[in-house]
Amino acid sequence: MSNGRANALVERIIAINWHAAEDSFEHGTSRAWLMREYLRRSALWVQELQKEEHRPFFDVAQSDRWPFFDIAQRVDPLVCADEEVASRLDEFLSEHASSLLVGRVCRAALNWTSLSEESLAKFPDLPDPFEPLILLFERGGGFWIENGFIDFVASRVRLATWDEHVAAEPLTLLDAGTLDALDEE
């Protein structure tokens, strides 16, 4: 994919208010739905990639583990983001991201933008896994993980295993109006 997509993603990440506790509370419901959608989408990718690899997807020796792993590296082990764009993202995240996990997820999303059309063509029916997470961050910064749950102040999402998320209800519309309506319920 082009540097244009990578630069656009970095601009979105830089624009996020990473310490927006009040937004986190205000948008807790939509952020929980966005996390569920990320978990569902990444579970679909795990399911498909596991078929490709003909072995269990995660093992004890791997540093990448469910649910926050670099999907692009599993699609194409040679993928890497443009060095200049990656350095810009890393520099920003080292000073502003709310946690190391959030930084790792943003870097994985950047690697995603670097996948070639050819690499993704093998998986035409699978959605972009990272868009829900970037929207989640834009609606209130990072999140916490405690006792097997991802915490959004007013809402929580159970981590569970990847196969428990494959058949989850999809959040088909990710526009601001739909997400705002979820917060009003």
N, C-alpha and C. Protein backbone atom coordinates (compact mmCIF):
# COMPACT_ATOMS: atom_id res chain seq x y z
N MET A 1 0.85 -1.17 0.00
CA MET A 1 0.00 0.00 0.00
C MET A 1 0.89 1.23 0.00
N SER A 2 0.33 2.36 -0.16
CA SER A 2 1.13 3.55 -0.38
C SER A 2 1.50 4.24 0.92
N ASN A 3 2.53 5.10 0.80
CA ASN A 3 2.90 5.95 1.92
C ASN A 3 1.76 6.89 2.28
N GLY A 4 0.90 7.18 1.30
CA GLY A 4 -0.25 8.05 1.56
C GLY A 4 -1.14 7.50 2.66
N ARG A 5 -1.43 6.21 2.59
CA ARG A 5 -2.27 5.58 3.63
C ARG A 5 -1.53 5.58 4.97
N ALA A 6 -0.23 5.31 4.94
CA ALA A 6 0.56 5.30 6.18
C ALA A 6 0.60 6.69 6.79
N ASN A 7 0.85 7.71 5.96
CA ASN A 7 0.89 9.08 6.47
C ASN A 7 -0.46 9.51 7.02
N ALA A 8 -1.54 9.13 6.33
CA ALA A 8 -2.88 9.47 6.80
C ALA A 8 -3.15 8.84 8.17
N LEU A 9 -2.73 7.59 8.34
CA LEU A 9 -2.91 6.92 9.63
C LEU A 9 -2.12 7.64 10.72
N VAL A 10 -0.87 7.97 10.44
CA VAL A 10 -0.05 8.67 11.44
C VAL A 10 -0.69 10.00 11.80
N GLU A 11 -1.23 10.72 10.83
CA GLU A 11 -1.91 12.00 11.12
C GLU A 11 -3.11 11.77 12.03
N ARG A 12 -3.87 10.72 11.78
CA ARG A 12 -5.01 10.41 12.65
C ARG A 12 -4.55 10.12 14.07
N ILE A 13 -3.49 9.34 14.20
CA ILE A 13 -2.98 8.96 15.53
C ILE A 13 -2.45 10.19 16.26
N ILE A 14 -1.75 11.06 15.56
CA ILE A 14 -1.21 12.28 16.19
C ILE A 14 -2.33 13.19 16.66
N ALA A 15 -3.46 13.20 15.96
CA ALA A 15 -4.58 14.06 16.32
C ALA A 15 -5.38 13.56 17.53
N ILE A 16 -5.13 12.36 17.98
CA ILE A 16 -5.89 11.77 19.09
C ILE A 16 -5.51 12.43 20.41
N ASN A 17 -6.50 12.71 21.22
CA ASN A 17 -6.26 13.18 22.59
C ASN A 17 -6.12 11.93 23.46
N TRP A 18 -4.89 11.53 23.72
CA TRP A 18 -4.62 10.27 24.40
C TRP A 18 -4.96 10.29 25.88
N HIS A 19 -5.25 11.45 26.42
CA HIS A 19 -5.56 11.54 27.85
C HIS A 19 -6.97 12.06 28.07
N ALA A 20 -7.86 11.73 27.18
CA ALA A 20 -9.22 12.25 27.20
C ALA A 20 -10.13 11.39 28.06
N ALA A 21 -9.92 11.45 29.37
CA ALA A 21 -10.73 10.62 30.28
C ALA A 21 -12.22 10.94 30.17
N GLU A 22 -12.58 12.21 30.00
CA GLU A 22 -14.00 12.55 29.90
C GLU A 22 -14.61 11.99 28.63
N ASP A 23 -13.88 11.99 27.52
CA ASP A 23 -14.38 11.39 26.29
C ASP A 23 -14.50 9.88 26.45
N SER A 24 -13.55 9.30 27.17
CA SER A 24 -13.57 7.87 27.40
C SER A 24 -14.88 7.48 28.09
N PHE A 25 -15.30 8.27 29.06
CA PHE A 25 -16.54 8.00 29.77
C PHE A 25 -17.74 8.27 28.87
N GLU A 26 -17.73 9.41 28.17
CA GLU A 26 -18.84 9.80 27.32
C GLU A 26 -19.06 8.80 26.18
N HIS A 27 -18.00 8.24 25.65
CA HIS A 27 -18.10 7.32 24.52
C HIS A 27 -17.82 5.87 24.91
N GLY A 28 -17.99 5.56 26.18
CA GLY A 28 -17.67 4.22 26.67
C GLY A 28 -18.42 3.11 25.95
N THR A 29 -19.69 3.30 25.68
CA THR A 29 -20.48 2.26 25.03
C THR A 29 -20.02 2.03 23.60
N SER A 30 -19.83 3.11 22.84
CA SER A 30 -19.39 2.93 21.45
C SER A 30 -17.97 2.38 21.40
N ARG A 31 -17.13 2.79 22.34
CA ARG A 31 -15.76 2.27 22.36
C ARG A 31 -15.77 0.77 22.66
N ALA A 32 -16.65 0.33 23.55
CA ALA A 32 -16.76 -1.11 23.83
C ALA A 32 -17.23 -1.86 22.58
N TRP A 33 -18.20 -1.29 21.85
CA TRP A 33 -18.65 -1.92 20.61
C TRP A 33 -17.54 -1.96 19.57
N LEU A 34 -16.75 -0.90 19.50
CA LEU A 34 -15.62 -0.89 18.56
C LEU A 34 -14.58 -1.93 18.94
N MET A 35 -14.35 -2.13 20.23
CA MET A 35 -13.41 -3.17 20.65
C MET A 35 -13.96 -4.55 20.29
N ARG A 36 -15.25 -4.76 20.52
CA ARG A 36 -15.85 -6.05 20.13
C ARG A 36 -15.68 -6.30 18.63
N GLU A 37 -15.84 -5.23 17.84
CA GLU A 37 -15.69 -5.36 16.40
C GLU A 37 -14.23 -5.66 16.03
N TYR A 38 -13.29 -5.01 16.70
CA TYR A 38 -11.88 -5.35 16.46
C TYR A 38 -11.63 -6.82 16.80
N LEU A 39 -12.12 -7.27 17.95
CA LEU A 39 -11.91 -8.66 18.36
C LEU A 39 -12.52 -9.62 17.35
N ARG A 40 -13.71 -9.30 16.86
CA ARG A 40 -14.36 -10.14 15.85
C ARG A 40 -13.54 -10.18 14.56
N ARG A 41 -13.13 -9.01 14.10
CA ARG A 41 -12.37 -8.96 12.85
C ARG A 41 -11.02 -9.65 12.98
N SER A 42 -10.32 -9.42 14.07
CA SER A 42 -9.01 -10.06 14.22
C SER A 42 -9.19 -11.57 14.39
N ALA A 43 -10.29 -12.01 15.00
CA ALA A 43 -10.56 -13.44 15.12
C ALA A 43 -10.79 -14.06 13.73
N LEU A 44 -11.48 -13.32 12.87
CA LEU A 44 -11.66 -13.81 11.50
C LEU A 44 -10.31 -13.97 10.79
N TRP A 45 -9.41 -13.02 11.02
CA TRP A 45 -8.07 -13.11 10.42
C TRP A 45 -7.30 -14.28 11.00
N VAL A 46 -7.39 -14.49 12.31
CA VAL A 46 -6.71 -15.64 12.92
C VAL A 46 -7.24 -16.92 12.31
N GLN A 47 -8.55 -17.04 12.21
CA GLN A 47 -9.16 -18.24 11.66
C GLN A 47 -8.64 -18.52 10.25
N GLU A 48 -8.61 -17.51 9.42
CA GLU A 48 -8.17 -17.68 8.03
C GLU A 48 -6.67 -17.94 7.93
N LEU A 49 -5.89 -17.21 8.68
CA LEU A 49 -4.43 -17.38 8.62
C LEU A 49 -3.99 -18.71 9.20
N GLN A 50 -4.72 -19.19 10.18
CA GLN A 50 -4.41 -20.50 10.75
C GLN A 50 -4.60 -21.59 9.69
N LYS A 51 -5.62 -21.45 8.85
CA LYS A 51 -5.81 -22.40 7.75
C LYS A 51 -4.62 -22.36 6.80
N GLU A 52 -4.12 -21.14 6.52
CA GLU A 52 -2.98 -20.97 5.62
C GLU A 52 -1.71 -21.62 6.18
N GLU A 53 -1.52 -21.49 7.48
CA GLU A 53 -0.28 -21.96 8.11
C GLU A 53 -0.33 -23.43 8.50
N HIS A 54 -1.52 -24.02 8.50
CA HIS A 54 -1.70 -25.44 8.81
C HIS A 54 -1.10 -25.82 10.18
N ARG A 55 -1.25 -24.93 11.13
CA ARG A 55 -0.80 -25.19 12.50
C ARG A 55 -1.50 -24.22 13.43
N PRO A 56 -1.47 -24.48 14.74
CA PRO A 56 -2.08 -23.52 15.66
C PRO A 56 -1.46 -22.13 15.46
N PHE A 57 -2.28 -21.14 15.53
CA PHE A 57 -1.85 -19.79 15.21
C PHE A 57 -0.91 -19.19 16.25
N PHE A 58 -1.23 -19.37 17.50
CA PHE A 58 -0.42 -18.82 18.57
C PHE A 58 0.28 -19.95 19.30
N ASP A 59 1.55 -19.73 19.62
CA ASP A 59 2.24 -20.70 20.47
C ASP A 59 3.00 -19.95 21.56
N VAL A 60 3.48 -20.69 22.52
CA VAL A 60 4.10 -20.09 23.71
C VAL A 60 5.32 -19.25 23.36
N ALA A 61 6.05 -19.60 22.33
CA ALA A 61 7.29 -18.91 21.99
C ALA A 61 7.08 -17.55 21.32
N GLN A 62 5.90 -17.28 20.82
CA GLN A 62 5.66 -16.04 20.10
C GLN A 62 5.46 -14.86 21.05
N SER A 63 5.98 -13.72 20.65
CA SER A 63 5.75 -12.52 21.45
C SER A 63 4.40 -11.89 21.12
N ASP A 64 3.92 -12.09 19.90
CA ASP A 64 2.60 -11.58 19.52
C ASP A 64 1.54 -12.57 20.00
N ARG A 65 0.61 -12.08 20.76
CA ARG A 65 -0.45 -12.93 21.28
C ARG A 65 -1.80 -12.27 21.08
N TRP A 66 -2.80 -13.11 21.10
CA TRP A 66 -4.17 -12.65 21.01
C TRP A 66 -4.44 -11.70 22.17
N PRO A 67 -5.18 -10.62 21.96
CA PRO A 67 -5.82 -10.18 20.73
C PRO A 67 -5.05 -9.08 20.00
N PHE A 68 -3.95 -8.60 20.58
CA PHE A 68 -3.26 -7.44 20.01
C PHE A 68 -1.94 -7.88 19.40
N PHE A 69 -2.00 -8.29 18.15
CA PHE A 69 -0.81 -8.79 17.47
C PHE A 69 -0.70 -8.13 16.10
N ASP A 70 0.45 -8.26 15.51
CA ASP A 70 0.73 -7.63 14.22
C ASP A 70 0.23 -8.55 13.10
N ILE A 71 -1.01 -8.34 12.70
CA ILE A 71 -1.64 -9.18 11.70
C ILE A 71 -0.90 -9.08 10.36
N ALA A 72 -0.42 -7.89 10.03
CA ALA A 72 0.29 -7.71 8.76
C ALA A 72 1.51 -8.61 8.68
N GLN A 73 2.23 -8.77 9.77
CA GLN A 73 3.41 -9.63 9.78
C GLN A 73 3.05 -11.09 9.53
N ARG A 74 1.84 -11.48 9.94
CA ARG A 74 1.40 -12.84 9.70
C ARG A 74 0.92 -13.02 8.26
N VAL A 75 0.39 -11.97 7.65
CA VAL A 75 -0.03 -12.02 6.26
C VAL A 75 1.19 -12.05 5.35
N ASP A 76 2.17 -11.21 5.66
CA ASP A 76 3.40 -11.11 4.87
C ASP A 76 4.56 -10.81 5.80
N PRO A 77 5.36 -11.82 6.17
CA PRO A 77 6.45 -11.62 7.11
C PRO A 77 7.48 -10.58 6.68
N LEU A 78 7.50 -10.21 5.40
CA LEU A 78 8.47 -9.23 4.91
C LEU A 78 7.94 -7.80 4.93
N VAL A 79 6.68 -7.62 5.31
CA VAL A 79 6.10 -6.28 5.31
C VAL A 79 6.79 -5.40 6.35
N CYS A 80 7.02 -4.17 5.97
CA CYS A 80 7.49 -3.20 6.95
C CYS A 80 7.11 -1.81 6.48
N ALA A 81 6.76 -1.00 7.44
CA ALA A 81 6.34 0.36 7.13
C ALA A 81 7.54 1.18 6.69
N ASP A 82 7.28 2.22 5.92
CA ASP A 82 8.31 3.16 5.52
C ASP A 82 9.04 3.64 6.78
N GLU A 83 10.36 3.61 6.74
CA GLU A 83 11.17 3.92 7.92
C GLU A 83 10.91 5.33 8.45
N GLU A 84 10.79 6.29 7.56
CA GLU A 84 10.57 7.68 7.99
C GLU A 84 9.21 7.84 8.67
N VAL A 85 8.18 7.23 8.08
CA VAL A 85 6.84 7.31 8.64
C VAL A 85 6.79 6.57 9.99
N ALA A 86 7.41 5.41 10.05
CA ALA A 86 7.45 4.63 11.29
C ALA A 86 8.19 5.39 12.39
N SER A 87 9.28 6.04 12.05
CA SER A 87 10.03 6.82 13.05
C SER A 87 9.19 7.96 13.59
N ARG A 88 8.46 8.61 12.69
CA ARG A 88 7.58 9.70 13.11
C ARG A 88 6.51 9.20 14.08
N LEU A 89 5.92 8.06 13.77
CA LEU A 89 4.92 7.47 14.66
C LEU A 89 5.54 7.08 15.99
N ASP A 90 6.66 6.40 15.95
CA ASP A 90 7.31 5.95 17.19
C ASP A 90 7.70 7.12 18.08
N GLU A 91 8.20 8.18 17.47
CA GLU A 91 8.59 9.37 18.25
C GLU A 91 7.36 9.97 18.94
N PHE A 92 6.28 10.08 18.21
CA PHE A 92 5.05 10.63 18.81
C PHE A 92 4.55 9.73 19.93
N LEU A 93 4.46 8.44 19.66
CA LEU A 93 3.91 7.52 20.65
C LEU A 93 4.75 7.45 21.91
N SER A 94 6.07 7.57 21.78
CA SER A 94 6.93 7.49 22.96
C SER A 94 6.63 8.61 23.96
N GLU A 95 6.08 9.70 23.48
CA GLU A 95 5.76 10.82 24.36
C GLU A 95 4.28 10.93 24.69
N HIS A 96 3.40 10.38 23.86
CA HIS A 96 1.98 10.67 24.03
C HIS A 96 1.06 9.47 24.25
N ALA A 97 1.43 8.30 23.79
CA ALA A 97 0.52 7.16 23.92
C ALA A 97 0.29 6.82 25.38
N SER A 98 -0.87 6.34 25.68
CA SER A 98 -1.25 6.08 27.07
C SER A 98 -0.62 4.82 27.64
N SER A 99 -0.11 3.93 26.79
CA SER A 99 0.54 2.71 27.28
C SER A 99 1.39 2.08 26.19
N LEU A 100 2.27 1.17 26.58
CA LEU A 100 3.08 0.45 25.60
C LEU A 100 2.21 -0.39 24.69
N LEU A 101 1.15 -0.98 25.24
CA LEU A 101 0.25 -1.79 24.44
C LEU A 101 -0.39 -0.96 23.33
N VAL A 102 -0.86 0.22 23.67
CA VAL A 102 -1.48 1.10 22.68
C VAL A 102 -0.46 1.45 21.60
N GLY A 103 0.77 1.72 21.99
CA GLY A 103 1.82 1.99 21.02
C GLY A 103 2.07 0.82 20.10
N ARG A 104 2.09 -0.38 20.66
CA ARG A 104 2.30 -1.59 19.85
C ARG A 104 1.15 -1.79 18.86
N VAL A 105 -0.07 -1.52 19.30
CA VAL A 105 -1.24 -1.66 18.42
C VAL A 105 -1.18 -0.64 17.29
N CYS A 106 -0.78 0.58 17.60
CA CYS A 106 -0.68 1.61 16.56
C CYS A 106 0.40 1.25 15.54
N ARG A 107 1.49 0.68 16.00
CA ARG A 107 2.55 0.26 15.07
C ARG A 107 2.06 -0.90 14.20
N ALA A 108 1.29 -1.81 14.78
CA ALA A 108 0.72 -2.91 13.99
C ALA A 108 -0.25 -2.36 12.94
N ALA A 109 -1.03 -1.34 13.30
CA ALA A 109 -1.94 -0.72 12.33
C ALA A 109 -1.14 -0.05 11.21
N LEU A 110 -0.01 0.55 11.56
CA LEU A 110 0.85 1.15 10.53
C LEU A 110 1.39 0.08 9.59
N ASN A 111 1.83 -1.04 10.13
CA ASN A 111 2.30 -2.14 9.28
C ASN A 111 1.18 -2.61 8.35
N TRP A 112 -0.05 -2.60 8.86
CA TRP A 112 -1.20 -3.00 8.05
C TRP A 112 -1.31 -2.14 6.81
N THR A 113 -1.09 -0.82 6.97
CA THR A 113 -1.20 0.08 5.82
C THR A 113 -0.11 -0.18 4.79
N SER A 114 0.92 -0.94 5.18
CA SER A 114 2.05 -1.22 4.29
C SER A 114 1.88 -2.51 3.50
N LEU A 115 0.83 -3.26 3.76
CA LEU A 115 0.60 -4.50 3.01
C LEU A 115 0.28 -4.17 1.55
N SER A 116 0.81 -4.96 0.67
CA SER A 116 0.53 -4.77 -0.76
C SER A 116 -0.86 -5.28 -1.10
N GLU A 117 -1.40 -4.77 -2.19
CA GLU A 117 -2.69 -5.26 -2.70
C GLU A 117 -2.58 -6.75 -3.00
N GLU A 118 -1.43 -7.17 -3.48
CA GLU A 118 -1.19 -8.57 -3.80
C GLU A 118 -1.32 -9.45 -2.55
N SER A 119 -0.74 -9.01 -1.45
CA SER A 119 -0.83 -9.77 -0.20
C SER A 119 -2.27 -9.88 0.28
N LEU A 120 -3.00 -8.78 0.18
CA LEU A 120 -4.39 -8.77 0.66
C LEU A 120 -5.34 -9.47 -0.30
N ALA A 121 -4.97 -9.58 -1.56
CA ALA A 121 -5.84 -10.21 -2.56
C ALA A 121 -6.14 -11.67 -2.22
N LYS A 122 -5.29 -12.30 -1.44
CA LYS A 122 -5.52 -13.70 -1.03
C LYS A 122 -6.66 -13.79 -0.03
N PHE A 123 -7.08 -12.64 0.53
CA PHE A 123 -8.11 -12.62 1.57
C PHE A 123 -9.18 -11.58 1.23
N PRO A 124 -9.86 -11.75 0.09
CA PRO A 124 -10.76 -10.69 -0.38
C PRO A 124 -11.98 -10.43 0.50
N ASP A 125 -12.37 -11.40 1.30
CA ASP A 125 -13.59 -11.25 2.08
C ASP A 125 -13.36 -10.82 3.52
N LEU A 126 -12.10 -10.57 3.88
CA LEU A 126 -11.81 -10.20 5.26
C LEU A 126 -11.68 -8.68 5.41
N PRO A 127 -12.24 -8.15 6.50
CA PRO A 127 -12.23 -6.70 6.70
C PRO A 127 -10.91 -6.20 7.30
N ASP A 128 -10.69 -4.89 7.17
CA ASP A 128 -9.57 -4.22 7.82
C ASP A 128 -9.75 -4.39 9.33
N PRO A 129 -8.82 -5.06 9.99
CA PRO A 129 -9.01 -5.30 11.42
C PRO A 129 -8.78 -4.07 12.28
N PHE A 130 -7.97 -3.11 11.82
CA PHE A 130 -7.53 -2.03 12.71
C PHE A 130 -8.41 -0.78 12.70
N GLU A 131 -9.26 -0.62 11.69
CA GLU A 131 -10.10 0.58 11.66
C GLU A 131 -10.95 0.74 12.93
N PRO A 132 -11.58 -0.32 13.44
CA PRO A 132 -12.33 -0.13 14.69
C PRO A 132 -11.47 0.35 15.86
N LEU A 133 -10.22 -0.11 15.94
CA LEU A 133 -9.35 0.33 17.03
C LEU A 133 -8.95 1.79 16.88
N ILE A 134 -8.65 2.21 15.67
CA ILE A 134 -8.29 3.61 15.47
C ILE A 134 -9.48 4.51 15.82
N LEU A 135 -10.67 4.12 15.40
CA LEU A 135 -11.87 4.87 15.77
C LEU A 135 -12.07 4.87 17.28
N LEU A 136 -11.83 3.76 17.92
CA LEU A 136 -11.92 3.66 19.38
C LEU A 136 -10.98 4.67 20.03
N PHE A 137 -9.75 4.73 19.57
CA PHE A 137 -8.78 5.69 20.12
C PHE A 137 -9.25 7.12 19.87
N GLU A 138 -9.79 7.38 18.68
CA GLU A 138 -10.25 8.74 18.35
C GLU A 138 -11.42 9.16 19.22
N ARG A 139 -12.17 8.20 19.76
CA ARG A 139 -13.32 8.52 20.60
C ARG A 139 -12.97 8.56 22.08
N GLY A 140 -11.69 8.61 22.43
CA GLY A 140 -11.38 8.76 23.85
C GLY A 140 -10.06 8.18 24.30
N GLY A 141 -9.10 8.02 23.45
CA GLY A 141 -7.78 7.56 23.89
C GLY A 141 -7.70 6.06 24.08
N GLY A 142 -6.86 5.65 25.01
CA GLY A 142 -6.56 4.23 25.21
C GLY A 142 -7.59 3.48 26.05
N PHE A 143 -7.16 2.37 26.61
CA PHE A 143 -8.03 1.52 27.41
C PHE A 143 -7.18 0.77 28.42
N TRP A 144 -7.83 0.10 29.36
CA TRP A 144 -7.16 -0.69 30.38
C TRP A 144 -7.59 -2.14 30.26
N ILE A 145 -6.70 -3.03 30.63
CA ILE A 145 -7.04 -4.46 30.69
C ILE A 145 -6.83 -4.91 32.12
N GLU A 146 -7.89 -5.48 32.70
CA GLU A 146 -7.84 -5.99 34.06
C GLU A 146 -8.69 -7.23 34.18
N ASN A 147 -8.13 -8.24 34.80
CA ASN A 147 -8.89 -9.46 35.13
C ASN A 147 -9.64 -10.04 33.95
N GLY A 148 -9.01 -10.07 32.78
CA GLY A 148 -9.63 -10.68 31.61
C GLY A 148 -10.66 -9.82 30.90
N PHE A 149 -10.71 -8.53 31.25
CA PHE A 149 -11.64 -7.60 30.61
C PHE A 149 -10.90 -6.38 30.11
N ILE A 150 -11.40 -5.82 29.02
CA ILE A 150 -10.93 -4.54 28.52
C ILE A 150 -11.91 -3.51 29.05
N ASP A 151 -11.38 -2.53 29.78
CA ASP A 151 -12.20 -1.60 30.55
C ASP A 151 -12.31 -0.25 29.87
N PHE A 152 -13.54 0.23 29.74
CA PHE A 152 -13.82 1.55 29.17
C PHE A 152 -14.61 2.40 30.16
N VAL A 153 -14.27 2.35 31.40
CA VAL A 153 -14.88 3.09 32.49
C VAL A 153 -16.32 2.63 32.72
N ALA A 154 -17.24 2.97 31.81
CA ALA A 154 -18.64 2.61 31.99
C ALA A 154 -19.00 1.27 31.35
N SER A 155 -18.13 0.73 30.53
CA SER A 155 -18.38 -0.54 29.84
C SER A 155 -17.13 -1.40 29.87
N ARG A 156 -17.35 -2.71 29.79
CA ARG A 156 -16.23 -3.64 29.74
C ARG A 156 -16.48 -4.67 28.64
N VAL A 157 -15.37 -5.19 28.09
CA VAL A 157 -15.45 -6.23 27.07
C VAL A 157 -14.60 -7.39 27.54
N ARG A 158 -15.18 -8.57 27.53
CA ARG A 158 -14.45 -9.77 27.93
C ARG A 158 -13.46 -10.15 26.84
N LEU A 159 -12.21 -10.42 27.24
CA LEU A 159 -11.19 -10.79 26.26
C LEU A 159 -11.51 -12.13 25.60
N ALA A 160 -11.64 -13.17 26.36
CA ALA A 160 -11.92 -14.52 25.85
C ALA A 160 -10.86 -14.95 24.83
N THR A 161 -11.05 -16.10 24.23
CA THR A 161 -10.12 -16.60 23.21
C THR A 161 -10.60 -16.14 21.84
N TRP A 162 -9.71 -16.22 20.86
CA TRP A 162 -10.08 -15.72 19.53
C TRP A 162 -11.28 -16.44 18.96
N ASP A 163 -11.38 -17.76 19.18
CA ASP A 163 -12.47 -18.51 18.56
C ASP A 163 -13.83 -18.18 19.17
N GLU A 164 -13.83 -17.56 20.34
CA GLU A 164 -15.09 -17.13 20.95
C GLU A 164 -15.60 -15.82 20.33
N HIS A 165 -14.78 -15.15 19.55
CA HIS A 165 -15.17 -13.88 18.94
C HIS A 165 -15.52 -13.99 17.46
N VAL A 166 -15.24 -15.13 16.84
CA VAL A 166 -15.46 -15.29 15.39
C VAL A 166 -16.91 -15.03 15.01
N ALA A 167 -17.84 -15.55 15.77
CA ALA A 167 -19.26 -15.44 15.41
C ALA A 167 -19.97 -14.29 16.13
N ALA A 168 -19.21 -13.37 16.70
CA ALA A 168 -19.83 -12.24 17.41
C ALA A 168 -20.65 -11.38 16.45
N GLU A 169 -21.62 -10.69 17.01
CA GLU A 169 -22.44 -9.79 16.21
C GLU A 169 -21.57 -8.68 15.63
N PRO A 170 -21.60 -8.48 14.31
CA PRO A 170 -20.76 -7.44 13.72
C PRO A 170 -21.35 -6.04 13.94
N LEU A 171 -20.46 -5.09 14.03
CA LEU A 171 -20.84 -3.68 14.02
C LEU A 171 -20.61 -3.23 12.58
N THR A 172 -21.67 -3.25 11.80
CA THR A 172 -21.52 -3.08 10.35
C THR A 172 -21.27 -1.64 9.93
N LEU A 173 -21.78 -0.68 10.69
CA LEU A 173 -21.57 0.74 10.36
C LEU A 173 -20.67 1.36 11.42
N LEU A 174 -19.60 1.99 10.96
CA LEU A 174 -18.65 2.60 11.90
C LEU A 174 -18.66 4.12 11.82
N ASP A 175 -19.71 4.70 11.25
CA ASP A 175 -19.78 6.15 11.10
C ASP A 175 -20.11 6.81 12.45
N ALA A 176 -19.82 8.10 12.55
CA ALA A 176 -20.02 8.84 13.80
C ALA A 176 -21.47 8.80 14.27
N GLY A 177 -22.42 8.91 13.37
CA GLY A 177 -23.83 8.88 13.76
C GLY A 177 -24.23 7.58 14.44
N THR A 178 -23.79 6.46 13.87
CA THR A 178 -24.09 5.15 14.46
C THR A 178 -23.42 5.03 15.83
N LEU A 179 -22.17 5.45 15.92
CA LEU A 179 -21.45 5.33 17.19
C LEU A 179 -22.05 6.27 18.25
N ASP A 180 -22.44 7.46 17.85
CA ASP A 180 -23.08 8.38 18.80
C ASP A 180 -24.41 7.80 19.29
N ALA A 181 -25.17 7.17 18.40
CA ALA A 181 -26.44 6.56 18.79
C ALA A 181 -26.22 5.44 19.81
N LEU A 182 -25.15 4.68 19.67
CA LEU A 182 -24.83 3.64 20.66
C LEU A 182 -24.58 4.27 22.03
N ASP A 183 -23.90 5.41 22.05
CA ASP A 183 -23.61 6.08 23.31
C ASP A 183 -24.86 6.64 23.97
N GLU A 184 -25.87 6.97 23.17
CA GLU A 184 -27.10 7.55 23.71
C GLU A 184 -28.04 6.49 24.27
N GLU A 185 -27.87 5.23 23.89
CA GLU A 185 -28.76 4.17 24.36
C GLU A 185 -28.60 3.95 25.85
